[in-house]
Protein backbone atom coordinates (compact mmCIF):
# COMPACT_ATOMS: atom_id res chain seq x y z
CA MET A 1 -35.56 -38.62 -70.03
CA SER A 2 -37.68 -41.80 -70.02
CA ALA A 3 -36.16 -45.28 -70.05
CA GLN A 4 -37.39 -45.78 -73.62
CA LYS A 5 -35.72 -42.54 -74.73
CA ASP A 6 -32.52 -43.57 -72.95
CA CYS A 7 -32.49 -46.90 -74.80
CA GLU A 8 -33.10 -45.21 -78.14
CA PHE A 9 -30.29 -42.73 -77.46
CA LEU A 10 -27.79 -45.47 -76.58
CA VAL A 11 -28.68 -47.54 -79.66
CA LYS A 12 -28.45 -44.44 -81.90
CA LYS A 13 -25.02 -43.59 -80.44
CA ALA A 14 -23.77 -47.11 -81.13
CA ARG A 15 -25.02 -46.97 -84.73
CA GLU A 16 -23.18 -43.70 -85.30
CA LEU A 17 -19.91 -45.19 -84.03
CA VAL A 18 -20.02 -48.66 -85.55
CA SER A 19 -18.34 -47.79 -88.87
CA GLU A 20 -15.49 -45.69 -87.47
CA ASP A 21 -15.01 -47.28 -84.04
CA PRO A 22 -16.69 -50.71 -83.62
CA CYS A 23 -15.19 -51.19 -80.15
CA ALA A 24 -16.72 -47.95 -78.92
CA ALA A 25 -20.07 -48.93 -80.45
CA LYS A 26 -19.97 -52.26 -78.62
CA ALA A 27 -19.04 -50.49 -75.39
CA TRP A 28 -22.13 -48.28 -75.69
CA LEU A 29 -24.33 -51.31 -76.25
CA ILE A 30 -22.79 -53.33 -73.44
CA THR A 31 -23.48 -50.40 -71.13
CA ALA A 32 -27.02 -50.17 -72.49
CA ARG A 33 -27.64 -53.91 -72.04
CA THR A 34 -26.38 -53.71 -68.44
CA LEU A 35 -28.72 -50.82 -67.67
CA TYR A 36 -31.72 -52.18 -69.60
CA PRO A 37 -31.43 -55.99 -69.86
CA ALA A 38 -35.11 -56.35 -70.80
CA ASP A 39 -34.91 -54.09 -73.87
CA PHE A 40 -35.07 -56.11 -77.07
CA ASN A 41 -33.77 -53.39 -79.42
CA ILE A 42 -30.46 -53.14 -77.56
CA GLN A 43 -29.78 -56.87 -77.80
CA TYR A 44 -30.90 -56.96 -81.43
CA GLU A 45 -28.51 -54.11 -82.29
CA MET A 46 -25.66 -56.04 -80.66
CA TYR A 47 -26.57 -59.06 -82.78
CA ILE A 48 -26.67 -56.97 -85.99
CA ILE A 49 -23.21 -55.53 -85.31
CA GLU A 50 -21.72 -59.00 -84.75
CA ARG A 51 -23.58 -60.45 -87.74
CA ASN A 52 -22.44 -57.67 -90.07
CA ALA A 53 -18.88 -58.10 -88.79
CA GLU A 54 -19.23 -61.83 -89.66
CA LYS A 55 -18.37 -62.87 -86.12
CA THR A 56 -20.28 -66.13 -86.21
CA ALA A 57 -19.65 -67.32 -82.64
CA SER A 58 -20.77 -64.14 -80.89
CA ALA A 59 -23.64 -63.60 -83.37
CA GLY A 60 -24.86 -67.13 -82.72
CA ARG A 61 -24.75 -66.67 -78.95
CA LEU A 62 -26.63 -63.37 -79.18
CA LEU A 63 -29.29 -64.89 -81.44
CA TYR A 64 -29.75 -67.77 -79.01
CA ASP A 65 -30.06 -65.29 -76.11
CA MET A 66 -32.73 -63.39 -78.04
CA PHE A 67 -34.62 -66.60 -78.75
CA ILE A 68 -34.63 -67.51 -75.05
CA ASN A 69 -35.43 -64.02 -73.72
CA PHE A 70 -37.65 -62.63 -76.49
CA PRO A 71 -39.41 -65.61 -78.12
CA ASP A 72 -42.42 -63.50 -79.11
CA GLN A 73 -40.44 -61.10 -81.30
CA PRO A 74 -41.14 -61.65 -85.05
CA ILE A 75 -37.64 -60.40 -85.94
CA VAL A 76 -36.09 -63.32 -84.04
CA TRP A 77 -38.15 -65.83 -86.02
CA ARG A 78 -37.21 -64.08 -89.25
CA GLU A 79 -33.51 -64.46 -88.46
CA ILE A 80 -33.97 -68.13 -87.56
CA SER A 81 -35.85 -68.71 -90.83
CA VAL A 82 -33.04 -67.08 -92.81
CA ILE A 83 -30.42 -69.24 -91.12
CA THR A 84 -32.50 -72.40 -91.58
CA ALA A 85 -32.90 -71.65 -95.30
CA ALA A 86 -29.16 -71.04 -95.64
CA LEU A 87 -28.36 -74.37 -93.97
CA ARG A 88 -30.50 -76.13 -96.57
CA SER A 89 -29.03 -74.19 -99.46
CA ASP A 90 -25.85 -74.90 -101.52
CA SER A 91 -25.49 -71.24 -102.51
CA GLN A 92 -21.86 -70.10 -102.50
CA ASP A 93 -22.51 -66.38 -101.99
CA LYS A 94 -20.70 -64.76 -99.10
CA HIS A 95 -23.73 -64.21 -96.89
CA ALA A 96 -24.97 -67.78 -97.23
CA GLN A 97 -21.51 -69.12 -96.41
CA PHE A 98 -21.43 -66.96 -93.28
CA LEU A 99 -24.81 -68.30 -92.15
CA ARG A 100 -23.59 -71.86 -92.68
CA ALA A 101 -20.29 -71.14 -90.91
CA GLY A 102 -19.85 -74.59 -89.37
CA ASN A 103 -19.92 -75.24 -85.65
CA ASP A 104 -20.16 -71.58 -84.67
CA LEU A 105 -23.83 -71.46 -85.68
CA ARG A 106 -24.59 -75.09 -84.97
CA LEU A 107 -26.26 -74.28 -81.67
CA LEU A 108 -27.48 -77.80 -80.95
CA PRO A 109 -25.96 -81.26 -81.39
CA CYS A 110 -28.26 -83.58 -83.28
CA THR A 111 -29.38 -85.71 -80.31
CA SER A 112 -32.80 -86.11 -78.73
CA ARG A 113 -31.43 -84.88 -75.40
CA ALA A 114 -30.39 -81.58 -77.01
CA VAL A 115 -33.18 -81.18 -79.56
CA LEU A 116 -36.16 -81.94 -77.28
CA PRO A 117 -35.58 -78.99 -74.88
CA PHE A 118 -35.22 -76.68 -77.88
CA CYS A 119 -38.48 -78.00 -79.36
CA LEU A 120 -40.28 -77.64 -76.03
CA GLN A 121 -39.17 -74.00 -75.75
CA LEU A 122 -40.24 -73.41 -79.34
CA MET A 123 -43.70 -74.88 -78.77
CA LEU A 124 -44.13 -72.99 -75.51
CA ALA A 125 -43.33 -69.70 -77.22
CA LEU A 126 -45.90 -70.44 -79.94
CA PHE A 127 -48.71 -71.72 -77.72
CA LYS A 128 -48.34 -68.77 -75.34
CA LEU A 129 -49.45 -66.50 -78.16
CA ARG A 130 -52.81 -68.28 -78.34
CA ALA A 131 -53.28 -69.31 -74.73
CA PHE A 132 -53.24 -65.82 -73.25
CA THR A 133 -55.26 -63.88 -75.78
CA ASP A 134 -58.70 -62.50 -74.91
CA SER A 135 -60.39 -65.39 -76.68
CA ARG A 136 -60.65 -68.78 -75.00
CA ASP A 137 -58.36 -71.59 -76.15
CA ASP A 138 -58.27 -74.40 -73.57
CA LEU A 139 -56.23 -76.67 -75.83
CA SER A 140 -53.35 -74.20 -76.16
CA LEU A 141 -53.59 -73.39 -72.45
CA GLY A 142 -53.38 -77.09 -71.62
CA HIS A 143 -50.33 -77.49 -73.86
CA VAL A 144 -48.69 -74.57 -72.05
CA VAL A 145 -49.27 -76.26 -68.68
CA VAL A 146 -47.70 -79.49 -69.94
CA LEU A 147 -44.68 -77.70 -71.43
CA LEU A 148 -44.05 -75.52 -68.38
CA GLN A 149 -43.08 -78.62 -66.41
CA PHE A 150 -39.75 -78.85 -68.22
CA ASP A 151 -38.03 -75.80 -66.70
CA TRP A 152 -39.87 -75.87 -63.39
CA PRO A 153 -39.83 -73.74 -61.29
CA GLN A 154 -38.66 -71.24 -63.94
CA GLY A 155 -42.12 -71.23 -65.47
CA GLU A 156 -44.03 -70.92 -62.19
CA MET A 157 -45.16 -67.33 -62.79
CA LEU A 158 -46.54 -68.20 -66.20
CA PHE A 159 -48.30 -71.24 -64.72
CA LEU A 160 -49.96 -69.01 -62.11
CA LYS A 161 -51.05 -66.75 -64.95
CA ALA A 162 -52.63 -69.82 -66.61
CA VAL A 163 -54.40 -70.69 -63.35
CA GLU A 164 -55.68 -67.12 -63.10
CA LYS A 165 -57.15 -67.36 -66.59
CA ILE A 166 -58.84 -70.67 -65.71
CA CYS A 167 -60.36 -69.04 -62.64
CA GLN A 168 -61.63 -66.15 -64.75
CA GLN A 169 -63.21 -68.62 -67.18
CA GLY A 170 -64.76 -70.65 -64.38
CA SER A 171 -64.01 -73.90 -66.19
CA PHE A 172 -61.24 -75.68 -68.08
CA GLN A 173 -61.20 -78.67 -70.41
CA TYR A 174 -58.04 -80.59 -71.30
CA GLU A 175 -58.55 -84.33 -71.53
CA ASN A 176 -54.82 -85.08 -71.85
CA PHE A 177 -54.09 -83.63 -68.43
CA PHE A 178 -53.63 -86.94 -66.62
CA ASN A 179 -51.52 -88.34 -69.45
CA TYR A 180 -48.78 -85.73 -69.21
CA VAL A 181 -49.01 -83.53 -66.08
CA THR A 182 -46.97 -85.08 -63.28
CA ASN A 183 -45.63 -81.96 -61.52
CA ILE A 184 -46.74 -82.15 -57.88
CA ASP A 185 -47.12 -78.36 -57.51
CA MET A 186 -49.40 -78.24 -60.55
CA LEU A 187 -51.44 -81.21 -59.36
CA GLU A 188 -51.98 -79.60 -55.96
CA GLU A 189 -53.08 -76.35 -57.60
CA PHE A 190 -55.61 -78.09 -59.84
CA ALA A 191 -56.94 -80.13 -56.92
CA TYR A 192 -57.39 -76.89 -54.97
CA LEU A 193 -59.36 -75.28 -57.83
CA ARG A 194 -62.17 -77.80 -57.33
CA THR A 195 -62.57 -76.99 -53.62
CA PRO A 196 -64.93 -74.29 -52.27
CA GLU A 197 -61.88 -72.24 -51.26
CA GLY A 198 -60.46 -72.58 -54.79
CA GLY A 199 -63.67 -71.41 -56.43
CA ARG A 200 -65.25 -74.77 -57.35
CA ILE A 201 -63.84 -74.45 -60.86
CA GLN A 202 -65.34 -76.95 -63.29
CA LEU A 203 -62.43 -79.04 -64.54
CA GLU A 204 -62.90 -81.51 -67.37
CA LEU A 205 -59.59 -83.34 -67.31
CA LEU A 206 -60.76 -86.94 -67.79
CA PRO A 207 -61.55 -88.44 -71.23
CA ASN A 208 -65.29 -88.17 -72.03
CA GLN A 209 -65.92 -86.29 -68.77
CA GLY A 210 -67.39 -83.34 -70.64
CA MET A 211 -70.08 -85.50 -72.25
CA LEU A 212 -71.10 -86.85 -68.85
CA ILE A 213 -71.24 -83.46 -67.16
CA LYS A 214 -73.35 -81.93 -69.95
CA HIS A 215 -76.13 -84.45 -69.31
CA HIS A 216 -77.49 -82.75 -66.20
CA THR A 217 -80.52 -85.03 -66.15
CA VAL A 218 -78.50 -88.01 -64.97
CA THR A 219 -78.90 -89.29 -61.45
CA ARG A 220 -77.11 -87.68 -58.54
CA GLY A 221 -75.12 -90.85 -58.04
CA ILE A 222 -73.53 -90.51 -61.50
CA THR A 223 -72.53 -86.91 -60.78
CA LYS A 224 -70.99 -88.02 -57.52
CA GLY A 225 -69.18 -90.73 -59.49
CA VAL A 226 -67.57 -88.08 -61.70
CA LYS A 227 -66.13 -86.38 -58.60
CA GLU A 228 -64.90 -89.70 -57.28
CA ASP A 229 -63.26 -90.52 -60.61
CA PHE A 230 -61.43 -87.19 -60.47
CA ARG A 231 -60.24 -87.84 -56.92
CA LEU A 232 -58.94 -91.30 -57.79
CA ALA A 233 -57.27 -90.03 -60.96
CA MET A 234 -55.53 -87.29 -58.96
CA GLU A 235 -54.32 -89.79 -56.38
CA ARG A 236 -52.91 -92.02 -59.12
CA GLN A 237 -51.25 -89.01 -60.72
CA VAL A 238 -49.48 -88.04 -57.50
CA SER A 239 -47.88 -91.50 -57.50
CA ARG A 240 -46.39 -90.65 -60.94
CA CYS A 241 -44.52 -87.57 -59.71
CA GLY A 242 -41.24 -89.45 -59.73
CA GLU A 243 -41.64 -90.49 -63.37
CA ASN A 244 -38.88 -89.37 -65.74
CA LEU A 245 -40.06 -86.00 -67.04
CA PHE A 246 -37.97 -86.22 -70.21
CA SER A 247 -39.80 -89.44 -71.12
CA VAL A 248 -43.20 -87.92 -70.29
CA LEU A 249 -42.61 -84.88 -72.52
CA HIS A 250 -41.06 -86.95 -75.28
CA ARG A 251 -44.20 -89.10 -75.23
CA PHE A 252 -46.32 -85.94 -75.37
CA CYS A 253 -44.50 -84.76 -78.52
CA VAL A 254 -44.74 -88.13 -80.24
CA ASN A 255 -48.26 -89.23 -79.26
CA GLU A 256 -49.89 -85.83 -79.70
CA LYS A 257 -47.98 -84.83 -82.83
CA ILE A 258 -51.08 -84.41 -85.02
CA ILE A 259 -53.07 -82.36 -82.51
CA ILE A 260 -50.00 -80.23 -81.70
CA ILE A 261 -49.45 -79.41 -85.37
CA GLN A 262 -53.14 -78.67 -85.90
CA SER A 263 -53.27 -76.31 -82.92
CA LEU A 264 -50.13 -74.34 -83.75
CA PRO A 265 -50.80 -70.63 -84.46
């Protein structure tokens, strides 16, 4: 039996037991989650059982786990939308009251320290959908690079995937790079991309650099000046590696609010 068939069997068994023996149903799903931690349907079924049983604390934890582990699943966003609507509503029906059930579903305190990481994860999940499609979207890819700094090195594999896409494209344009990328590992990787060993990737990371490069009729000295500007900018950026990352990303969210909203999928 394939892994997919195994997962389906375990979920089906739990569904059959949930009405007559909820504990047994949960036991089946706990076993299933242990065996197949990357299967979304198992975790979603656990959430549904807790939600239907009106166990707000465990349902809230499971929904948060799904948001962290499966941010690309439309069902997760649907559940979040339902809860958000209920929090804004004064409806007194039983289901709405459950969704508003006080601190159990209040996953975040209303402080910038708590809200900003949540927003960064939310934006990362959204921009990933556009950045890694077959079509080219340098703006979304640049946003992903900026946002991946927050949980570093947790996002290193996704960053390397971004670098791979840049190499496949042969060029990359993101003029906000030096405003918000201060991670030393990322800076070293981008510096390497411009070397012969790194593929001589054309990087347009300085404001107005693209306009200058497109005018190929300019003198050789100007072209050399572009390379020198990049080198100096990279050296300055390395000196910013100790800058408070929370402040850098907060500034990114505030200063680039309009362009972020416009580029959301």
